[in-house]
Amino acid sequence: MADIAKDQAHADKVRESAEDARLAKQQAALAEEAKTMPEWVIQVPPTDEKGFYAVGQGDSESLRVSMEKAKLDGEFGLAEQFKNSISGQLRHSDKEGLMGHQEEFSRLVDNLISEVSVSGYEVIHQDVRPINGRFRAYILVRLPFNSINRVLREQDAKTSSVEIKQDYSDMFARIDKKQKEAHEQAAEQSAQSAAKQTATQAQSAPPALPATTATPSPAPITSIPLNASKGPADNLPLDEKL
């Protein structure tokens, strides 16, 4: 029994060491991947005056499948951003508690997302790389405000319901507000960046020399030579001079 227990303890120690080594190797691989992945994967661009942004990732032994997974993941990210932005604009003053209308509104939002996702989003960046015998795909997609507004107009034209038209009008207002806020934020960041750059240039510039004031030159001193010739008055006696 003692030998069995000893062997068991040794086996457990070997398994523990192997697991630690596996985790360390996996951690090193992840760290290396994080260092080499595109910058836009980690720092996803915020919503700007052009639209919403999202990053998708896909992993597969097949290149095509990995890219397709990344595309679907990116579409899902855009849909979530758009839905969160739109769904918060229900007119609570006259619709709060009306679950039927809220469900109808959510259905309109989902339908709008589907219509926009079909042809409305744009691929900004795409990257595929082999990792541990598999393909890892990254994609950065944008949902333009222009595409959203176009689909909204198309959907609005298809309905005759005054209530639904009001919902679409609310969506237009919400999107317009979101776009203006993004534009103002981008302008503010640009101004701050310009001010920072100006301050940096001012600090690195050589110090200006102090201004000098011109000092007038002193008037020349006229000296009388000792051996200057004497005039007629100099030959007179002293009493006659006086």
C-alpha atoms as a PDB file:
ATOM      1  CA  MET A   1       0.000   0.000   0.000  1.00  0.00           C
ATOM      2  CA  ALA A   2       2.864   2.350   0.797  1.00  0.00           C
ATOM      3  CA  ASP A   3       4.442   1.703  -2.602  1.00  0.00           C
ATOM      4  CA  ILE A   4       1.099   2.286  -4.355  1.00  0.00           C
ATOM      5  CA  ALA A   5       0.586   5.554  -2.512  1.00  0.00           C
ATOM      6  CA  LYS A   6       4.115   6.633  -3.376  1.00  0.00           C
ATOM      7  CA  ASP A   7       3.601   5.827  -7.067  1.00  0.00           C
ATOM      8  CA  GLN A   8       0.275   7.629  -7.051  1.00  0.00           C
ATOM      9  CA  ALA A   9       1.829  10.752  -5.527  1.00  0.00           C
ATOM     10  CA  HIS A  10       4.600  10.650  -8.130  1.00  0.00           C
ATOM     11  CA  ALA A  11       2.064  10.286 -10.963  1.00  0.00           C
ATOM     12  CA  ASP A  12       0.043  13.211  -9.629  1.00  0.00           C
ATOM     13  CA  LYS A  13       3.181  15.329  -9.479  1.00  0.00           C
ATOM     14  CA  VAL A  14       4.103  14.419 -13.057  1.00  0.00           C
ATOM     15  CA  ARG A  15       0.594  15.297 -14.282  1.00  0.00           C
ATOM     16  CA  GLU A  16       0.677  18.585 -12.383  1.00  0.00           C
ATOM     17  CA  SER A  17       4.035  19.488 -13.901  1.00  0.00           C
ATOM     18  CA  ALA A  18       2.797  18.608 -17.390  1.00  0.00           C
ATOM     19  CA  GLU A  19      -0.318  20.748 -16.899  1.00  0.00           C
ATOM     20  CA  ASP A  20       1.795  23.674 -15.694  1.00  0.00           C
ATOM     21  CA  ALA A  21       4.034  23.339 -18.733  1.00  0.00           C
ATOM     22  CA  ARG A  22       1.016  23.206 -21.052  1.00  0.00           C
ATOM     23  CA  LEU A  23      -0.515  26.322 -19.493  1.00  0.00           C
ATOM     24  CA  ALA A  24       2.813  28.164 -19.672  1.00  0.00           C
ATOM     25  CA  LYS A  25       3.171  27.279 -23.362  1.00  0.00           C
ATOM     26  CA  GLN A  26      -0.404  28.347 -24.042  1.00  0.00           C
ATOM     27  CA  GLN A  27       0.113  31.610 -22.182  1.00  0.00           C
ATOM     28  CA  ALA A  28       3.276  32.344 -24.166  1.00  0.00           C
ATOM     29  CA  ALA A  29       1.454  31.670 -27.432  1.00  0.00           C
ATOM     30  CA  LEU A  30      -1.405  33.993 -26.438  1.00  0.00           C
ATOM     31  CA  ALA A  31       1.028  36.717 -25.395  1.00  0.00           C
ATOM     32  CA  GLU A  32       2.838  36.442 -28.714  1.00  0.00           C
ATOM     33  CA  GLU A  33      -0.467  36.597 -30.595  1.00  0.00           C
ATOM     34  CA  ALA A  34      -1.544  39.680 -28.638  1.00  0.00           C
ATOM     35  CA  LYS A  35       1.720  41.433 -29.558  1.00  0.00           C
ATOM     36  CA  THR A  36       1.419  40.691 -33.262  1.00  0.00           C
ATOM     37  CA  MET A  37      -2.317  41.152 -33.838  1.00  0.00           C
ATOM     38  CA  PRO A  38      -3.448  44.332 -35.612  1.00  0.00           C
ATOM     39  CA  GLU A  39      -3.811  47.417 -33.435  1.00  0.00           C
ATOM     40  CA  TRP A  40      -7.449  47.948 -34.490  1.00  0.00           C
ATOM     41  CA  VAL A  41      -8.374  44.568 -32.969  1.00  0.00           C
ATOM     42  CA  ILE A  42      -7.431  45.760 -29.473  1.00  0.00           C
ATOM     43  CA  GLN A  43      -8.397  49.411 -29.891  1.00  0.00           C
ATOM     44  CA  VAL A  44     -11.654  49.321 -31.831  1.00  0.00           C
ATOM     45  CA  PRO A  45     -12.403  52.745 -33.357  1.00  0.00           C
ATOM     46  CA  PRO A  46     -15.222  54.509 -31.500  1.00  0.00           C
ATOM     47  CA  THR A  47     -18.394  55.629 -33.232  1.00  0.00           C
ATOM     48  CA  ASP A  48     -17.623  58.686 -35.351  1.00  0.00           C
ATOM     49  CA  GLU A  49     -19.504  60.884 -37.823  1.00  0.00           C
ATOM     50  CA  LYS A  50     -19.304  58.087 -40.400  1.00  0.00           C
ATOM     51  CA  GLY A  51     -20.906  55.274 -38.398  1.00  0.00           C
ATOM     52  CA  PHE A  52     -20.524  52.393 -35.940  1.00  0.00           C
ATOM     53  CA  TYR A  53     -17.485  50.071 -35.819  1.00  0.00           C
ATOM     54  CA  ALA A  54     -17.030  46.480 -34.677  1.00  0.00           C
ATOM     55  CA  VAL A  55     -14.328  43.801 -34.824  1.00  0.00           C
ATOM     56  CA  GLY A  56     -15.001  40.170 -35.698  1.00  0.00           C
ATOM     57  CA  GLN A  57     -12.762  37.152 -35.136  1.00  0.00           C
ATOM     58  CA  GLY A  58     -12.881  33.640 -36.545  1.00  0.00           C
ATOM     59  CA  ASP A  59     -10.773  30.510 -36.036  1.00  0.00           C
ATOM     60  CA  SER A  60     -10.729  27.387 -38.219  1.00  0.00           C
ATOM     61  CA  GLU A  61      -8.509  24.921 -40.023  1.00  0.00           C
ATOM     62  CA  SER A  62     -10.059  26.295 -43.217  1.00  0.00           C
ATOM     63  CA  LEU A  63      -9.096  29.753 -44.428  1.00  0.00           C
ATOM     64  CA  ARG A  64     -12.515  30.394 -45.930  1.00  0.00           C
ATOM     65  CA  VAL A  65     -14.378  29.248 -42.830  1.00  0.00           C
ATOM     66  CA  SER A  66     -12.235  31.404 -40.539  1.00  0.00           C
ATOM     67  CA  MET A  67     -12.987  34.458 -42.675  1.00  0.00           C
ATOM     68  CA  GLU A  68     -16.698  33.659 -42.717  1.00  0.00           C
ATOM     69  CA  LYS A  69     -16.738  33.303 -38.936  1.00  0.00           C
ATOM     70  CA  ALA A  70     -14.986  36.651 -38.537  1.00  0.00           C
ATOM     71  CA  LYS A  71     -17.490  38.274 -40.880  1.00  0.00           C
ATOM     72  CA  LEU A  72     -20.492  36.925 -38.952  1.00  0.00           C
ATOM     73  CA  ASP A  73     -18.918  37.953 -35.646  1.00  0.00           C
ATOM     74  CA  GLY A  74     -18.370  41.471 -36.967  1.00  0.00           C
ATOM     75  CA  GLU A  75     -21.982  41.704 -38.200  1.00  0.00           C
ATOM     76  CA  PHE A  76     -23.221  40.596 -34.793  1.00  0.00           C
ATOM     77  CA  GLY A  77     -21.108  43.274 -33.096  1.00  0.00           C
ATOM     78  CA  LEU A  78     -22.525  45.982 -35.378  1.00  0.00           C
ATOM     79  CA  ALA A  79     -26.080  44.779 -34.763  1.00  0.00           C
ATOM     80  CA  GLU A  80     -25.572  44.894 -30.997  1.00  0.00           C
ATOM     81  CA  GLN A  81     -24.201  48.446 -31.111  1.00  0.00           C
ATOM     82  CA  PHE A  82     -26.977  49.663 -33.377  1.00  0.00           C
ATOM     83  CA  LYS A  83     -29.716  47.966 -31.368  1.00  0.00           C
ATOM     84  CA  ASN A  84     -28.429  49.325 -28.065  1.00  0.00           C
ATOM     85  CA  SER A  85     -28.317  52.819 -29.541  1.00  0.00           C
ATOM     86  CA  ILE A  86     -31.800  52.674 -31.098  1.00  0.00           C
ATOM     87  CA  SER A  87     -33.763  50.681 -28.531  1.00  0.00           C
ATOM     88  CA  GLY A  88     -33.187  53.231 -25.815  1.00  0.00           C
ATOM     89  CA  GLN A  89     -35.272  55.846 -27.601  1.00  0.00           C
ATOM     90  CA  LEU A  90     -38.754  54.448 -26.901  1.00  0.00           C
ATOM     91  CA  ARG A  91     -41.203  57.207 -26.138  1.00  0.00           C
ATOM     92  CA  HIS A  92     -41.767  56.257 -22.491  1.00  0.00           C
ATOM     93  CA  SER A  93     -44.159  59.125 -21.912  1.00  0.00           C
ATOM     94  CA  ASP A  94     -46.989  57.418 -23.768  1.00  0.00           C
ATOM     95  CA  LYS A  95     -45.770  53.859 -24.298  1.00  0.00           C
ATOM     96  CA  GLU A  96     -44.386  52.753 -20.962  1.00  0.00           C
ATOM     97  CA  GLY A  97     -45.989  49.505 -19.903  1.00  0.00           C
ATOM     98  CA  LEU A  98     -47.407  48.747 -23.354  1.00  0.00           C
ATOM     99  CA  MET A  99     -45.534  45.501 -23.848  1.00  0.00           C
ATOM    100  CA  GLY A 100     -47.265  44.809 -27.145  1.00  0.00           C
ATOM    101  CA  HIS A 101     -45.985  47.994 -28.700  1.00  0.00           C
ATOM    102  CA  GLN A 102     -42.521  47.547 -27.229  1.00  0.00           C
ATOM    103  CA  GLU A 103     -42.331  44.107 -28.793  1.00  0.00           C
ATOM    104  CA  GLU A 104     -43.454  45.583 -32.108  1.00  0.00           C
ATOM    105  CA  PHE A 105     -40.810  48.280 -31.820  1.00  0.00           C
ATOM    106  CA  SER A 106     -38.115  45.675 -31.097  1.00  0.00           C
ATOM    107  CA  ARG A 107     -39.284  43.737 -34.132  1.00  0.00           C
ATOM    108  CA  LEU A 108     -38.908  46.863 -36.267  1.00  0.00           C
ATOM    109  CA  VAL A 109     -35.384  47.366 -34.953  1.00  0.00           C
ATOM    110  CA  ASP A 110     -34.438  43.732 -35.649  1.00  0.00           C
ATOM    111  CA  ASN A 111     -35.857  43.977 -39.144  1.00  0.00           C
ATOM    112  CA  LEU A 112     -33.960  47.191 -39.763  1.00  0.00           C
ATOM    113  CA  ILE A 113     -30.727  45.579 -38.585  1.00  0.00           C
ATOM    114  CA  SER A 114     -31.274  42.647 -40.939  1.00  0.00           C
ATOM    115  CA  GLU A 115     -31.900  44.952 -43.892  1.00  0.00           C
ATOM    116  CA  VAL A 116     -28.824  47.069 -43.178  1.00  0.00           C
ATOM    117  CA  SER A 117     -26.588  44.056 -42.545  1.00  0.00           C
ATOM    118  CA  VAL A 118     -27.375  42.559 -45.942  1.00  0.00           C
ATOM    119  CA  SER A 119     -25.634  45.265 -47.931  1.00  0.00           C
ATOM    120  CA  GLY A 120     -25.093  48.227 -45.670  1.00  0.00           C
ATOM    121  CA  TYR A 121     -21.858  47.556 -43.790  1.00  0.00           C
ATOM    122  CA  GLU A 122     -18.327  48.167 -45.040  1.00  0.00           C
ATOM    123  CA  VAL A 123     -15.121  46.180 -44.516  1.00  0.00           C
ATOM    124  CA  ILE A 124     -12.404  48.577 -43.330  1.00  0.00           C
ATOM    125  CA  HIS A 125      -9.583  46.124 -42.502  1.00  0.00           C
ATOM    126  CA  GLN A 126      -9.083  42.374 -42.773  1.00  0.00           C
ATOM    127  CA  ASP A 127      -6.237  40.182 -41.542  1.00  0.00           C
ATOM    128  CA  VAL A 128      -5.655  36.413 -41.612  1.00  0.00           C
ATOM    129  CA  ARG A 129      -2.705  34.564 -40.052  1.00  0.00           C
ATOM    130  CA  PRO A 130      -1.797  30.940 -39.255  1.00  0.00           C
ATOM    131  CA  ILE A 131      -1.580  30.114 -35.537  1.00  0.00           C
ATOM    132  CA  ASN A 132      -0.787  26.627 -34.247  1.00  0.00           C
ATOM    133  CA  GLY A 133      -1.876  24.930 -37.441  1.00  0.00           C
ATOM    134  CA  ARG A 134      -5.141  26.904 -37.736  1.00  0.00           C
ATOM    135  CA  PHE A 135      -6.216  30.141 -39.410  1.00  0.00           C
ATOM    136  CA  ARG A 136      -7.167  33.116 -37.270  1.00  0.00           C
ATOM    137  CA  ALA A 137      -9.087  35.823 -39.125  1.00  0.00           C
ATOM    138  CA  TYR A 138      -9.760  39.389 -37.968  1.00  0.00           C
ATOM    139  CA  ILE A 139     -12.079  41.894 -39.596  1.00  0.00           C
ATOM    140  CA  LEU A 140     -12.979  45.524 -38.866  1.00  0.00           C
ATOM    141  CA  VAL A 141     -16.381  46.537 -40.211  1.00  0.00           C
ATOM    142  CA  ARG A 142     -18.327  49.790 -40.209  1.00  0.00           C
ATOM    143  CA  LEU A 143     -22.072  50.416 -40.337  1.00  0.00           C
ATOM    144  CA  PRO A 144     -22.388  53.825 -42.049  1.00  0.00           C
ATOM    145  CA  PHE A 145     -25.046  56.294 -40.970  1.00  0.00           C
ATOM    146  CA  ASN A 146     -25.839  56.814 -44.663  1.00  0.00           C
ATOM    147  CA  SER A 147     -26.823  53.161 -45.049  1.00  0.00           C
ATOM    148  CA  ILE A 148     -28.941  53.261 -41.893  1.00  0.00           C
ATOM    149  CA  ASN A 149     -30.810  56.359 -43.051  1.00  0.00           C
ATOM    150  CA  ARG A 150     -31.352  54.905 -46.512  1.00  0.00           C
ATOM    151  CA  VAL A 151     -32.900  51.714 -45.136  1.00  0.00           C
ATOM    152  CA  LEU A 152     -34.990  53.738 -42.679  1.00  0.00           C
ATOM    153  CA  ARG A 153     -36.450  55.762 -45.542  1.00  0.00           C
ATOM    154  CA  GLU A 154     -37.182  52.596 -47.506  1.00  0.00           C
ATOM    155  CA  GLN A 155     -38.896  50.944 -44.528  1.00  0.00           C
ATOM    156  CA  ASP A 156     -40.836  54.102 -43.718  1.00  0.00           C
ATOM    157  CA  ALA A 157     -42.150  54.283 -47.287  1.00  0.00           C
ATOM    158  CA  LYS A 158     -43.476  50.710 -47.062  1.00  0.00           C
ATOM    159  CA  THR A 159     -45.778  51.305 -44.085  1.00  0.00           C
ATOM    160  CA  SER A 160     -48.995  53.266 -43.798  1.00  0.00           C
ATOM    161  CA  SER A 161     -49.290  52.998 -40.017  1.00  0.00           C
ATOM    162  CA  VAL A 162     -49.078  56.392 -38.353  1.00  0.00           C
ATOM    163  CA  GLU A 163     -47.715  54.766 -35.190  1.00  0.00           C
ATOM    164  CA  ILE A 164     -44.935  52.941 -37.008  1.00  0.00           C
ATOM    165  CA  LYS A 165     -44.082  56.055 -39.026  1.00  0.00           C
ATOM    166  CA  GLN A 166     -43.669  57.873 -35.717  1.00  0.00           C
ATOM    167  CA  ASP A 167     -41.314  55.126 -34.554  1.00  0.00           C
ATOM    168  CA  TYR A 168     -39.246  55.533 -37.701  1.00  0.00           C
ATOM    169  CA  SER A 169     -39.225  59.289 -37.157  1.00  0.00           C
ATOM    170  CA  ASP A 170     -37.906  58.687 -33.645  1.00  0.00           C
ATOM    171  CA  MET A 171     -35.202  56.435 -35.093  1.00  0.00           C
ATOM    172  CA  PHE A 172     -34.190  59.159 -37.551  1.00  0.00           C
ATOM    173  CA  ALA A 173     -33.913  61.647 -34.696  1.00  0.00           C
ATOM    174  CA  ARG A 174     -31.881  59.239 -32.576  1.00  0.00           C
ATOM    175  CA  ILE A 175     -29.452  58.446 -35.388  1.00  0.00           C
ATOM    176  CA  ASP A 176     -29.085  62.136 -36.251  1.00  0.00           C
ATOM    177  CA  LYS A 177     -28.322  62.946 -32.622  1.00  0.00           C
ATOM    178  CA  LYS A 178     -25.778  60.123 -32.408  1.00  0.00           C
ATOM    179  CA  GLN A 179     -24.054  61.326 -35.561  1.00  0.00           C
ATOM    180  CA  LYS A 180     -23.886  64.930 -34.338  1.00  0.00           C
ATOM    181  CA  GLU A 181     -22.485  63.845 -30.970  1.00  0.00           C
ATOM    182  CA  ALA A 182     -19.798  61.775 -32.709  1.00  0.00           C
ATOM    183  CA  HIS A 183     -18.932  64.714 -34.984  1.00  0.00           C
ATOM    184  CA  GLU A 184     -18.609  67.099 -32.026  1.00  0.00           C
ATOM    185  CA  GLN A 185     -16.469  64.624 -30.120  1.00  0.00           C
ATOM    186  CA  ALA A 186     -14.178  64.124 -33.112  1.00  0.00           C
ATOM    187  CA  ALA A 187     -13.814  67.895 -33.527  1.00  0.00           C
ATOM    188  CA  GLU A 188     -12.983  68.293 -29.834  1.00  0.00           C
ATOM    189  CA  GLN A 189     -10.374  65.538 -29.957  1.00  0.00           C
ATOM    190  CA  SER A 190      -8.838  67.090 -33.066  1.00  0.00           C
ATOM    191  CA  ALA A 191      -8.618  70.479 -31.343  1.00  0.00           C
ATOM    192  CA  GLN A 192      -7.027  68.926 -28.254  1.00  0.00           C
ATOM    193  CA  SER A 193      -4.512  67.063 -30.410  1.00  0.00           C
ATOM    194  CA  ALA A 194      -3.610  70.250 -32.278  1.00  0.00           C
ATOM    195  CA  ALA A 195      -3.184  72.164 -29.021  1.00  0.00           C
ATOM    196  CA  LYS A 196      -0.996  69.406 -27.600  1.00  0.00           C
ATOM    197  CA  GLN A 197       1.153  69.363 -30.734  1.00  0.00           C
ATOM    198  CA  THR A 198       1.551  73.148 -30.581  1.00  0.00           C
ATOM    199  CA  ALA A 199       2.595  72.975 -26.930  1.00  0.00           C
ATOM    200  CA  THR A 200       5.111  70.236 -27.710  1.00  0.00           C
ATOM    201  CA  GLN A 201       6.629  72.258 -30.535  1.00  0.00           C
ATOM    202  CA  ALA A 202       6.839  75.317 -28.279  1.00  0.00           C
ATOM    203  CA  GLN A 203       8.694  73.325 -25.615  1.00  0.00           C
ATOM    204  CA  SER A 204      11.181  71.899 -28.112  1.00  0.00           C
ATOM    205  CA  ALA A 205      11.899  75.234 -29.829  1.00  0.00           C
ATOM    206  CA  PRO A 206      15.177  77.013 -28.844  1.00  0.00           C
ATOM    207  CA  PRO A 207      14.735  79.942 -26.428  1.00  0.00           C
ATOM    208  CA  ALA A 208      14.369  83.308 -28.077  1.00  0.00           C
ATOM    209  CA  LEU A 209      17.230  85.792 -27.667  1.00  0.00           C
ATOM    210  CA  PRO A 210      16.396  88.926 -25.615  1.00  0.00           C
ATOM    211  CA  ALA A 211      15.688  92.016 -27.615  1.00  0.00           C
ATOM    212  CA  THR A 212      18.583  94.517 -27.681  1.00  0.00           C
ATOM    213  CA  THR A 213      18.124  98.307 -27.432  1.00  0.00           C
ATOM    214  CA  ALA A 214      20.381 100.432 -29.583  1.00  0.00           C
ATOM    215  CA  THR A 215      22.624 102.689 -27.455  1.00  0.00           C
ATOM    216  CA  PRO A 216      23.497 105.998 -29.081  1.00  0.00           C
ATOM    217  CA  SER A 217      27.189 106.532 -29.653  1.00  0.00           C
ATOM    218  CA  PRO A 218      28.725 109.314 -27.499  1.00  0.00           C
ATOM    219  CA  ALA A 219      29.501 112.532 -29.245  1.00  0.00           C
ATOM    220  CA  PRO A 220      33.163 112.818 -30.272  1.00  0.00           C
ATOM    221  CA  ILE A 221      35.314 114.918 -27.981  1.00  0.00           C
ATOM    222  CA  THR A 222      37.193 117.649 -29.822  1.00  0.00           C
ATOM    223  CA  SER A 223      40.627 118.260 -28.372  1.00  0.00           C
ATOM    224  CA  ILE A 224      42.669 121.389 -28.857  1.00  0.00           C
ATOM    225  CA  PRO A 225      46.298 120.727 -29.684  1.00  0.00           C
ATOM    226  CA  LEU A 226      48.820 122.249 -27.363  1.00  0.00           C
ATOM    227  CA  ASN A 227      50.841 123.699 -30.174  1.00  0.00           C
ATOM    228  CA  ALA A 228      47.982 125.359 -31.903  1.00  0.00           C
ATOM    229  CA  SER A 229      48.899 128.655 -33.533  1.00  0.00           C
ATOM    230  CA  LYS A 230      48.192 131.793 -31.528  1.00  0.00           C
ATOM    231  CA  GLY A 231      45.904 134.509 -32.744  1.00  0.00           C
ATOM    232  CA  PRO A 232      46.657 138.314 -32.664  1.00  0.00           C
ATOM    233  CA  ALA A 233      44.957 138.730 -29.288  1.00  0.00           C
ATOM    234  CA  ASP A 234      47.303 136.275 -27.710  1.00  0.00           C
ATOM    235  CA  ASN A 235      50.254 138.686 -28.224  1.00  0.00           C
ATOM    236  CA  LEU A 236      48.645 141.521 -26.282  1.00  0.00           C
ATOM    237  CA  PRO A 237      49.701 142.373 -22.747  1.00  0.00           C
ATOM    238  CA  LEU A 238      47.492 140.993 -19.960  1.00  0.00           C
ATOM    239  CA  ASP A 239      45.948 144.373 -19.018  1.00  0.00           C
ATOM    240  CA  GLU A 240      44.962 145.009 -22.619  1.00  0.00           C
ATOM    241  CA  LYS A 241      43.443 141.580 -22.885  1.00  0.00           C
ATOM    242  CA  LEU A 242      41.250 142.312 -19.866  1.00  0.00           C
END
